[in-house]
Amino acid sequence: MSQAASYRPERAIVELGDEFYDKVEPADFPQAVLRFRNDRAAAEVGLEGLSDEAWVRHFARFEALPGNLEDKLALRYHGHQFRVYNPDLGDGRGFLFAQMRDEGGRLMDLGTKGSGQTPWSRFGDGRLTLKGGVREILATEMLEALGVETSRTFSLIETGEALHRGDEPSPTRSAVMVRLSHGHIRIGTFQRLAFLGQADNMAKLTDYCLRHYYGEAGGADAPARLLGHVARRTARLAASYVAAGFVHGVLNSDNINITAESFDYGPWRWTPYWDGGFTAAYFDEAGLYSFGRQPEAIHWDVVQLYGALGLIADEETLRAAVEAFPDHFNEALRAAIFRRLGIVPGDLEADLETIVAIQTAMVEGSVEIDRFFFDWRGGRRRAPSPADAAYEGEAFAALAGQLSAYEAAPGALDHDYWSDDAPCSMHIDEVEAIWARIAEADDWSALEAKVAAVRRMGEAYRRVPLETA
């Protein structure tokens, strides 16, 4: 295998022992056609030098990477699904394939989706539709560009099977996907241990997460410290979803990573307008995970971690971390909204009032979220725009007065993206049009062009640095 010198294999997960996972075998796919390889992400872990042939061997046939995990590990976990506890979960169509350190020294996982059945597949076939893989590429690329901490779609390989799905035209094409993510441990992993009363394993997992994801040693206060980290980072995740206009769709406790990195994209959507009731999943009839309720949903999941850690810690020592979530969220929302707008924050209370004014103006003026942040980048209205008529209304007149008190962030407009005629977006009609080109003519050019456009937008946003963890 040809690789960069920065490839640093790890096997940290084996520290936990086989009570945390099941060893599985990948499916033997009839074909393997490479459709997407994320060389930008691969460069961060020293794998960009792989040839396409080697890439397919590792990420479709799952030949072990040098010095890495020999076994494929389907992790065990439980979780609440739409607030109903389910003890029959676990990696049902994926496994942990490899671990390594990235260029910043973080422990990273390569995990699969659509790689075959496991003991946790229940009645599923363990496969992934090609459309599902394409959608995950689009979701992760857009979220990364907008500053959301997210897993990256590392690889997508078409596998030559005809899949039948009840919610889309069938048969449909199949694929196997690999994600690069900062950890594979979920809140539901802790819930499982609490459900089974495994205090020793709970303590072991707590120390593992502190050591490998937060760079801290264990100790008597380890559960409280871990919960504090998770509460702060999940609050930031919730705020970043709001600023991005993103709706994850299924924020169950098994879908919240202990590092608070967004992952697992099923029925996601971007809401065109600021609509708190906008949902991504047709089956979310009560709007539990709607755009406006995502902070509440994520906070609720953190409370489940609080409850699980009560197995090994006094709940009084844990409560402060959970109760701090709203304050963490407000601070993170200010940072995320102001970064997207490209202005320098001031007093927190005044800044939160400005955010309310931004939301009000967008709602009253029926202005799309992407359009607003594009037109008002740097805190000043930039003309001309298709939304100019709305900007002449009272709500935007009041908002303009508030924004005039803020300075543009250094570098906020230092990219030619801000001179485009329209913002880059990711609405459902665009996603369906990209897939239609692939489904009807095997034409991948629209996907490639969209990924390039999204990455260009990301370059423009990165001129204003992300908040550090």
Protein backbone atom coordinates (compact mmCIF):
# COMPACT_ATOMS: atom_id res chain seq x y z
CA MET A 1 0.00 0.00 0.00
CA SER A 2 1.30 3.44 -0.97
CA GLN A 3 0.44 6.04 1.64
CA ALA A 4 1.51 9.33 3.13
CA ALA A 5 3.89 9.28 6.07
CA SER A 6 1.18 10.77 8.25
CA TYR A 7 -0.84 7.53 8.34
CA ARG A 8 -0.94 6.61 12.04
CA PRO A 9 -2.98 3.46 12.69
CA GLU A 10 -4.73 2.94 16.01
CA ARG A 11 -6.54 0.06 17.73
CA ALA A 12 -7.94 1.93 20.73
CA ILE A 13 -11.36 0.31 20.57
CA VAL A 14 -9.97 -3.09 21.59
CA GLU A 15 -9.20 -1.62 25.02
CA LEU A 16 -12.91 -1.86 25.77
CA GLY A 17 -13.12 -5.60 25.11
CA ASP A 18 -15.53 -7.84 23.27
CA GLU A 19 -18.49 -7.01 25.52
CA PHE A 20 -18.82 -3.77 23.54
CA TYR A 21 -18.97 -5.20 20.03
CA ASP A 22 -19.50 -8.21 17.80
CA LYS A 23 -17.00 -9.41 15.22
CA VAL A 24 -18.69 -9.58 11.81
CA GLU A 25 -17.90 -10.31 8.18
CA PRO A 26 -18.62 -7.88 5.32
CA ALA A 27 -20.96 -8.77 2.49
CA ASP A 28 -19.43 -10.24 -0.65
CA PHE A 29 -20.66 -7.76 -3.26
CA PRO A 30 -21.03 -8.82 -6.90
CA GLN A 31 -19.22 -5.73 -8.13
CA ALA A 32 -17.36 -2.68 -6.83
CA VAL A 33 -17.46 0.53 -8.87
CA LEU A 34 -15.79 3.52 -7.21
CA ARG A 35 -18.13 6.50 -7.34
CA PHE A 36 -16.69 8.93 -4.80
CA ARG A 37 -13.45 9.17 -2.88
CA ASN A 38 -12.85 12.06 -0.52
CA ASP A 39 -9.17 12.78 -1.01
CA ARG A 40 -9.42 15.96 1.05
CA ALA A 41 -10.52 13.91 4.08
CA ALA A 42 -8.11 11.10 3.21
CA ALA A 43 -5.19 13.54 3.33
CA GLU A 44 -6.01 14.28 6.98
CA VAL A 45 -5.37 10.64 7.92
CA GLY A 46 -2.59 9.79 5.49
CA LEU A 47 -4.63 7.74 3.01
CA GLU A 48 -4.80 10.03 -0.01
CA GLY A 49 -1.98 8.13 -1.70
CA LEU A 50 -4.05 4.98 -2.18
CA SER A 51 -4.57 3.96 -5.80
CA ASP A 52 -8.17 3.44 -6.90
CA GLU A 53 -7.51 -0.31 -6.96
CA ALA A 54 -6.27 -0.29 -3.37
CA TRP A 55 -9.12 2.01 -2.36
CA VAL A 56 -11.66 -0.54 -3.59
CA ARG A 57 -9.83 -3.40 -1.87
CA HIS A 58 -10.00 -1.58 1.46
CA PHE A 59 -13.37 0.15 1.24
CA ALA A 60 -15.49 -2.36 -0.69
CA ARG A 61 -13.75 -5.68 0.01
CA PHE A 62 -12.57 -4.49 3.43
CA GLU A 63 -9.04 -5.77 3.34
CA ALA A 64 -7.54 -4.51 6.62
CA LEU A 65 -5.41 -1.38 6.52
CA PRO A 66 -1.77 -1.89 7.58
CA GLY A 67 -1.33 -2.10 11.33
CA ASN A 68 -5.02 -1.61 11.90
CA LEU A 69 -7.99 -3.62 13.15
CA GLU A 70 -8.02 -7.16 11.81
CA ASP A 71 -11.66 -7.70 12.77
CA LYS A 72 -14.73 -5.76 11.68
CA LEU A 73 -16.59 -4.65 14.79
CA ALA A 74 -20.33 -4.01 14.96
CA LEU A 75 -20.81 -1.92 18.09
CA ARG A 76 -23.55 -2.60 20.61
CA TYR A 77 -25.84 0.15 21.89
CA HIS A 78 -29.41 0.93 22.91
CA GLY A 79 -31.31 4.19 22.61
CA HIS A 80 -34.53 6.14 22.62
CA GLN A 81 -36.22 6.31 19.21
CA PHE A 82 -38.78 9.10 19.15
CA ARG A 83 -38.70 8.97 22.98
CA VAL A 84 -39.41 5.20 23.12
CA TYR A 85 -36.61 3.08 24.58
CA ASN A 86 -35.32 0.31 22.31
CA PRO A 87 -32.91 -2.32 23.70
CA ASP A 88 -32.63 -4.11 20.35
CA LEU A 89 -30.33 -1.69 18.54
CA GLY A 90 -26.68 -1.86 17.50
CA ASP A 91 -24.75 -1.48 14.24
CA GLY A 92 -27.24 -3.20 11.92
CA ARG A 93 -25.70 -2.46 8.53
CA GLY A 94 -22.24 -1.25 9.35
CA PHE A 95 -19.14 -1.82 11.44
CA LEU A 96 -16.04 -0.08 12.72
CA PHE A 97 -13.38 -0.86 10.12
CA ALA A 98 -10.31 1.12 11.19
CA GLN A 99 -8.98 3.75 13.57
CA MET A 100 -6.20 6.27 13.10
CA ARG A 101 -4.95 9.66 14.18
CA ASP A 102 -5.60 12.68 12.04
CA GLU A 103 -3.16 15.52 11.40
CA GLY A 104 -4.26 17.20 14.63
CA GLY A 105 -3.76 14.04 16.68
CA ARG A 106 -7.47 13.25 17.10
CA LEU A 107 -8.62 9.64 17.19
CA MET A 108 -10.64 9.02 14.04
CA ASP A 109 -12.81 6.10 12.98
CA LEU A 110 -13.63 4.68 9.59
CA GLY A 111 -17.10 3.18 9.89
CA THR A 112 -19.24 1.60 7.20
CA LYS A 113 -22.85 1.81 6.09
CA GLY A 114 -24.41 -0.81 3.83
CA SER A 115 -21.64 -3.35 4.39
CA GLY A 116 -23.92 -6.29 5.18
CA GLN A 117 -25.89 -7.90 7.94
CA THR A 118 -24.80 -8.07 11.57
CA PRO A 119 -26.39 -9.58 14.70
CA TRP A 120 -28.22 -6.25 15.03
CA SER A 121 -29.76 -6.15 11.55
CA ARG A 122 -33.08 -7.54 12.84
CA PHE A 123 -35.18 -7.82 9.66
CA GLY A 124 -33.01 -5.52 7.53
CA ASP A 125 -30.79 -6.58 4.65
CA GLY A 126 -27.78 -4.61 5.88
CA ARG A 127 -27.53 -2.77 2.57
CA LEU A 128 -27.52 0.88 1.47
CA THR A 129 -29.14 2.36 -1.61
CA LEU A 130 -26.90 4.29 -3.96
CA LYS A 131 -29.29 7.22 -3.62
CA GLY A 132 -28.84 7.14 0.15
CA GLY A 133 -25.09 7.33 -0.32
CA VAL A 134 -25.35 10.23 -2.76
CA ARG A 135 -27.60 12.07 -0.32
CA GLU A 136 -25.08 11.58 2.47
CA ILE A 137 -22.29 13.02 0.32
CA LEU A 138 -24.39 16.13 -0.28
CA ALA A 139 -25.40 16.49 3.37
CA THR A 140 -21.92 16.12 4.82
CA GLU A 141 -20.25 18.37 2.24
CA MET A 142 -22.81 21.14 2.82
CA LEU A 143 -22.68 20.89 6.61
CA GLU A 144 -18.89 20.95 6.63
CA ALA A 145 -18.93 24.05 4.42
CA LEU A 146 -21.34 25.80 6.79
CA GLY A 147 -19.19 25.08 9.83
CA VAL A 148 -21.13 22.18 11.38
CA GLU A 149 -18.97 19.52 13.05
CA THR A 150 -19.90 16.49 10.97
CA SER A 151 -18.69 13.10 9.90
CA ARG A 152 -17.32 13.13 6.36
CA THR A 153 -18.40 10.84 3.56
CA PHE A 154 -15.07 9.17 2.88
CA SER A 155 -15.99 6.68 0.15
CA LEU A 156 -18.97 5.56 -1.91
CA ILE A 157 -18.73 2.40 -4.02
CA GLU A 158 -21.57 0.95 -6.08
CA THR A 159 -22.03 -2.76 -5.37
CA GLY A 160 -24.25 -4.17 -8.13
CA GLU A 161 -27.24 -5.44 -6.14
CA ALA A 162 -30.88 -4.58 -6.81
CA LEU A 163 -32.50 -3.42 -3.58
CA HIS A 164 -36.17 -3.18 -2.76
CA ARG A 165 -37.37 -0.34 -0.58
CA GLY A 166 -40.94 0.56 0.26
CA ASP A 167 -40.41 4.32 0.32
CA GLU A 168 -38.78 4.78 -3.09
CA PRO A 169 -38.99 3.27 -6.59
CA SER A 170 -37.66 -0.30 -6.55
CA PRO A 171 -35.56 -2.10 -7.40
CA THR A 172 -32.87 0.49 -6.89
CA ARG A 173 -29.08 0.49 -7.07
CA SER A 174 -26.93 -0.47 -4.07
CA ALA A 175 -23.75 0.91 -2.56
CA VAL A 176 -21.42 0.64 0.38
CA MET A 177 -20.26 3.79 2.10
CA VAL A 178 -17.44 4.59 4.51
CA ARG A 179 -17.57 7.52 6.93
CA LEU A 180 -14.65 9.27 8.59
CA SER A 181 -15.73 10.40 12.03
CA HIS A 182 -14.35 11.54 15.36
CA GLY A 183 -15.52 8.57 17.38
CA HIS A 184 -18.08 5.82 17.09
CA ILE A 185 -19.51 5.96 20.63
CA ARG A 186 -23.10 7.14 21.09
CA ILE A 187 -25.20 8.25 24.04
CA GLY A 188 -27.03 4.98 23.42
CA THR A 189 -23.80 3.08 24.13
CA PHE A 190 -23.95 4.40 27.70
CA GLN A 191 -27.68 3.72 27.91
CA ARG A 192 -27.10 0.06 27.13
CA LEU A 193 -24.66 -0.31 30.01
CA ALA A 194 -27.08 1.40 32.40
CA PHE A 195 -29.91 -0.86 31.20
CA LEU A 196 -27.76 -3.94 31.86
CA GLY A 197 -26.43 -2.58 35.17
CA GLN A 198 -22.79 -2.90 34.06
CA ALA A 199 -21.13 -0.36 36.34
CA ASP A 200 -17.58 -1.55 35.66
CA ASN A 201 -18.05 -1.28 31.91
CA MET A 202 -19.68 2.13 32.35
CA ALA A 203 -16.61 3.36 34.22
CA LYS A 204 -14.33 1.82 31.59
CA LEU A 205 -16.24 3.52 28.75
CA THR A 206 -16.27 6.87 30.56
CA ASP A 207 -12.49 6.78 31.00
CA TYR A 208 -12.04 5.67 27.37
CA CYS A 209 -14.05 8.63 26.07
CA LEU A 210 -12.31 11.16 28.31
CA ARG A 211 -8.86 9.87 27.38
CA HIS A 212 -9.32 9.48 23.62
CA TYR A 213 -11.75 12.27 22.77
CA TYR A 214 -11.08 14.93 25.40
CA GLY A 215 -7.45 14.29 26.35
CA GLU A 216 -8.16 13.85 30.04
CA ALA A 217 -7.45 11.16 32.62
CA GLY A 218 -10.16 9.40 34.56
CA GLY A 219 -10.82 9.85 38.26
CA ALA A 220 -13.67 10.13 40.71
CA ASP A 221 -15.16 13.10 38.88
CA ALA A 222 -14.81 11.53 35.42
CA PRO A 223 -18.57 11.11 34.79
CA ALA A 224 -19.30 14.76 35.62
CA ARG A 225 -16.44 15.99 33.45
CA LEU A 226 -17.50 13.84 30.52
CA LEU A 227 -21.11 14.98 30.80
CA GLY A 228 -19.94 18.59 30.94
CA HIS A 229 -17.99 18.17 27.70
CA VAL A 230 -20.90 16.46 25.98
CA ALA A 231 -23.41 19.07 27.12
CA ARG A 232 -21.25 21.93 25.85
CA ARG A 233 -20.50 20.31 22.52
CA THR A 234 -24.03 19.11 21.84
CA ALA A 235 -25.30 22.61 22.56
CA ARG A 236 -22.89 23.83 19.91
CA LEU A 237 -24.15 21.14 17.53
CA ALA A 238 -27.75 22.25 18.06
CA ALA A 239 -26.82 25.88 17.49
CA SER A 240 -24.91 25.06 14.33
CA TYR A 241 -27.94 23.22 12.91
CA VAL A 242 -30.06 26.32 13.52
CA ALA A 243 -27.56 28.68 11.90
CA ALA A 244 -27.26 26.35 8.91
CA GLY A 245 -31.04 26.01 8.50
CA PHE A 246 -30.56 22.25 8.71
CA VAL A 247 -33.00 19.60 9.92
CA HIS A 248 -31.38 16.28 10.78
CA GLY A 249 -34.66 14.39 10.90
CA VAL A 250 -33.90 11.65 13.45
CA LEU A 251 -32.23 12.95 16.61
CA ASN A 252 -32.66 9.77 18.63
CA SER A 253 -30.22 9.14 21.49
CA ASP A 254 -28.48 6.47 19.41
CA ASN A 255 -27.81 9.15 16.79
CA ILE A 256 -25.94 11.52 19.12
CA ASN A 257 -22.21 10.89 19.13
CA ILE A 258 -20.33 11.33 22.43
CA THR A 259 -18.08 13.86 20.66
CA ALA A 260 -21.20 15.72 19.46
CA GLU A 261 -20.16 15.31 15.85
CA SER A 262 -23.22 15.17 13.58
CA PHE A 263 -23.62 11.90 11.69
CA ASP A 264 -26.04 9.33 10.25
CA TYR A 265 -28.03 11.18 7.58
CA GLY A 266 -31.35 9.64 6.62
CA PRO A 267 -34.35 11.95 6.05
CA TRP A 268 -32.47 15.24 6.29
CA ARG A 269 -33.55 18.55 4.75
CA TRP A 270 -32.55 22.19 4.61
CA THR A 271 -35.53 24.38 5.40
CA PRO A 272 -35.78 27.12 2.75
CA TYR A 273 -37.41 29.56 5.18
CA TRP A 274 -37.17 30.15 8.92
CA ASP A 275 -39.97 27.76 9.83
CA GLY A 276 -39.79 26.21 13.27
CA GLY A 277 -42.30 23.52 12.34
CA PHE A 278 -40.44 22.33 9.23
CA THR A 279 -39.75 18.58 9.43
CA ALA A 280 -37.45 16.35 7.41
CA ALA A 281 -39.04 12.94 8.05
CA TYR A 282 -42.50 12.11 6.74
CA PHE A 283 -42.96 9.81 9.75
CA ASP A 284 -42.26 12.61 12.25
CA GLU A 285 -45.95 13.42 12.42
CA ALA A 286 -45.71 15.20 15.78
CA GLY A 287 -42.78 17.37 14.67
CA LEU A 288 -40.59 16.09 17.50
CA TYR A 289 -37.43 16.73 15.48
CA SER A 290 -38.64 19.75 13.52
CA PHE A 291 -36.29 22.65 12.77
CA GLY A 292 -37.31 24.70 15.80
CA ARG A 293 -37.34 21.79 18.26
CA GLN A 294 -33.88 20.40 17.53
CA PRO A 295 -32.19 22.15 20.51
CA GLU A 296 -34.86 20.71 22.82
CA ALA A 297 -34.44 17.25 21.28
CA ILE A 298 -30.67 17.25 21.66
CA HIS A 299 -30.92 18.53 25.23
CA TRP A 300 -33.36 15.68 25.98
CA ASP A 301 -30.81 13.19 24.66
CA VAL A 302 -28.12 14.68 26.92
CA VAL A 303 -30.49 14.18 29.86
CA GLN A 304 -30.55 10.47 28.93
CA LEU A 305 -26.76 10.40 29.23
CA TYR A 306 -27.12 12.09 32.62
CA GLY A 307 -29.49 9.35 33.68
CA ALA A 308 -27.21 6.59 32.41
CA LEU A 309 -24.13 7.98 34.17
CA GLY A 310 -26.15 7.91 37.39
CA LEU A 311 -25.14 4.25 37.54
CA ILE A 312 -21.62 5.29 38.58
CA ALA A 313 -22.00 8.85 39.89
CA ASP A 314 -24.19 10.79 42.27
CA GLU A 315 -26.79 12.61 40.22
CA GLU A 316 -26.20 15.81 42.18
CA THR A 317 -22.65 15.96 40.84
CA LEU A 318 -23.96 15.53 37.30
CA ARG A 319 -26.89 17.95 37.35
CA ALA A 320 -24.93 21.17 36.83
CA ALA A 321 -23.65 19.97 33.45
CA VAL A 322 -27.15 19.30 32.16
CA GLU A 323 -28.54 22.53 33.55
CA ALA A 324 -25.80 24.51 31.79
CA PHE A 325 -27.02 23.38 28.35
CA PRO A 326 -29.28 26.43 27.68
CA ASP A 327 -26.46 28.87 28.45
CA HIS A 328 -24.05 26.90 26.28
CA PHE A 329 -26.65 26.93 23.51
CA ASN A 330 -27.18 30.70 23.62
CA GLU A 331 -23.45 31.36 23.46
CA ALA A 332 -23.01 28.87 20.63
CA LEU A 333 -25.99 30.24 18.71
CA ARG A 334 -24.54 33.74 18.89
CA ALA A 335 -21.20 32.44 17.63
CA ALA A 336 -22.76 30.41 14.79
CA ILE A 337 -25.19 33.08 13.56
CA PHE A 338 -22.64 35.87 13.75
CA ARG A 339 -20.01 33.77 11.98
CA ARG A 340 -22.43 32.99 9.17
CA LEU A 341 -23.35 36.65 8.92
CA GLY A 342 -19.69 37.69 9.16
CA ILE A 343 -19.93 40.20 12.00
CA VAL A 344 -18.09 40.65 15.31
CA PRO A 345 -20.09 39.76 18.44
CA GLY A 346 -20.62 42.24 21.24
CA ASP A 347 -22.69 42.00 24.42
CA LEU A 348 -24.38 38.60 24.67
CA GLU A 349 -27.83 39.83 25.65
CA ALA A 350 -27.86 42.48 22.93
CA ASP A 351 -26.57 39.95 20.41
CA LEU A 352 -29.37 37.51 21.29
CA GLU A 353 -31.90 40.32 20.72
CA THR A 354 -30.31 40.89 17.32
CA ILE A 355 -30.72 37.20 16.50
CA VAL A 356 -34.42 37.40 17.37
CA ALA A 357 -34.68 40.42 15.07
CA ILE A 358 -32.96 38.46 12.28
CA GLN A 359 -35.41 35.59 12.67
CA THR A 360 -38.38 37.97 12.77
CA ALA A 361 -37.30 39.83 9.66
CA MET A 362 -36.80 36.63 7.67
CA VAL A 363 -40.22 35.33 8.70
CA GLU A 364 -42.10 38.57 8.07
CA GLY A 365 -40.31 39.20 4.79
CA SER A 366 -40.55 35.57 3.59
CA VAL A 367 -36.86 35.69 2.69
CA GLU A 368 -34.97 32.42 2.26
CA ILE A 369 -32.33 31.71 4.90
CA ASP A 370 -29.46 31.25 2.43
CA ARG A 371 -30.45 34.42 0.58
CA PHE A 372 -30.51 36.52 3.76
CA PHE A 373 -27.07 35.46 4.99
CA PHE A 374 -25.66 35.96 1.50
CA ASP A 375 -27.20 39.41 0.96
CA TRP A 376 -26.32 40.74 4.43
CA ARG A 377 -22.83 39.28 4.72
CA GLY A 378 -20.73 41.67 6.79
CA GLY A 379 -23.84 43.12 8.44
CA ARG A 380 -24.80 45.47 5.63
CA ARG A 381 -27.31 45.01 2.83
CA ARG A 382 -25.60 44.35 -0.47
CA ALA A 383 -27.68 45.09 -3.57
CA PRO A 384 -29.13 44.16 -5.94
CA SER A 385 -31.05 41.09 -4.80
CA PRO A 386 -34.29 39.31 -5.72
CA ALA A 387 -35.31 39.99 -2.09
CA ASP A 388 -34.93 43.78 -2.32
CA ALA A 389 -38.67 44.38 -2.04
CA ALA A 390 -38.75 42.48 1.26
CA TYR A 391 -35.72 44.37 2.50
CA GLU A 392 -37.66 47.63 2.15
CA GLY A 393 -40.20 46.46 4.75
CA GLU A 394 -40.40 47.57 8.37
CA ALA A 395 -38.85 44.44 9.88
CA PHE A 396 -35.72 44.73 7.78
CA ALA A 397 -35.53 48.49 8.33
CA ALA A 398 -35.42 47.85 12.07
CA LEU A 399 -32.89 45.06 11.63
CA ALA A 400 -30.63 47.24 9.49
CA GLY A 401 -30.48 49.71 12.34
CA GLN A 402 -29.42 47.02 14.78
CA LEU A 403 -26.82 45.55 12.43
CA SER A 404 -25.28 48.98 11.81
CA ALA A 405 -23.84 48.79 15.33
CA TYR A 406 -21.68 45.79 14.40
CA GLU A 407 -18.37 45.61 12.58
CA ALA A 408 -17.71 43.16 9.77
CA ALA A 409 -15.43 40.35 10.88
CA PRO A 410 -11.92 40.45 9.40
CA GLY A 411 -11.94 38.52 6.12
CA ALA A 412 -15.74 38.30 6.01
CA LEU A 413 -15.99 39.40 2.38
CA ASP A 414 -12.53 38.37 1.17
CA HIS A 415 -13.67 35.78 -1.35
CA ASP A 416 -15.18 36.08 -4.81
CA TYR A 417 -18.07 33.85 -3.71
CA TRP A 418 -19.70 36.94 -2.20
CA SER A 419 -19.88 38.50 -5.68
CA ASP A 420 -21.97 35.64 -7.10
CA ASP A 421 -25.53 36.27 -8.20
CA ALA A 422 -26.99 33.72 -5.77
CA PRO A 423 -25.97 31.75 -2.70
CA CYS A 424 -25.11 28.08 -2.82
CA SER A 425 -27.97 26.06 -1.33
CA MET A 426 -29.03 22.44 -0.83
CA HIS A 427 -32.79 22.30 -1.14
CA ILE A 428 -34.64 19.10 -1.86
CA ASP A 429 -35.41 19.90 -5.50
CA GLU A 430 -31.68 20.32 -6.16
CA VAL A 431 -30.91 17.01 -4.46
CA GLU A 432 -33.57 15.17 -6.46
CA ALA A 433 -32.34 16.70 -9.72
CA ILE A 434 -28.78 15.52 -9.02
CA TRP A 435 -30.02 12.01 -8.27
CA ALA A 436 -32.23 11.96 -11.38
CA ARG A 437 -29.18 12.55 -13.60
CA ILE A 438 -27.47 9.56 -11.99
CA ALA A 439 -30.52 7.29 -12.02
CA GLU A 440 -31.56 8.05 -15.59
CA ALA A 441 -28.26 8.48 -17.42
CA ASP A 442 -25.50 7.45 -14.96
CA ASP A 443 -24.40 11.08 -15.21
CA TRP A 444 -22.33 12.05 -12.17
CA SER A 445 -21.32 15.48 -13.43
CA ALA A 446 -24.05 17.33 -11.51
CA LEU A 447 -22.93 15.75 -8.24
CA GLU A 448 -19.31 16.58 -8.96
CA ALA A 449 -20.21 20.17 -9.83
CA LYS A 450 -22.30 20.55 -6.68
CA VAL A 451 -19.56 19.24 -4.43
CA ALA A 452 -17.12 21.70 -6.04
CA ALA A 453 -19.55 24.60 -5.57
CA VAL A 454 -20.20 23.69 -1.94
CA ARG A 455 -16.48 23.45 -1.20
CA ARG A 456 -15.93 26.85 -2.78
CA MET A 457 -18.60 28.31 -0.49
CA GLY A 458 -16.88 26.61 2.44
CA GLU A 459 -13.64 28.38 1.53
CA ALA A 460 -15.49 31.69 1.70
CA TYR A 461 -16.97 30.95 5.11
CA ARG A 462 -13.63 29.75 6.48
CA ARG A 463 -12.21 33.24 6.06
CA VAL A 464 -13.91 33.84 9.43
CA PRO A 465 -12.43 31.13 11.70
CA LEU A 466 -14.56 28.56 13.44
CA GLU A 467 -15.02 28.71 17.18
CA THR A 468 -12.59 26.34 18.86
CA ALA A 469 -13.82 23.49 21.01
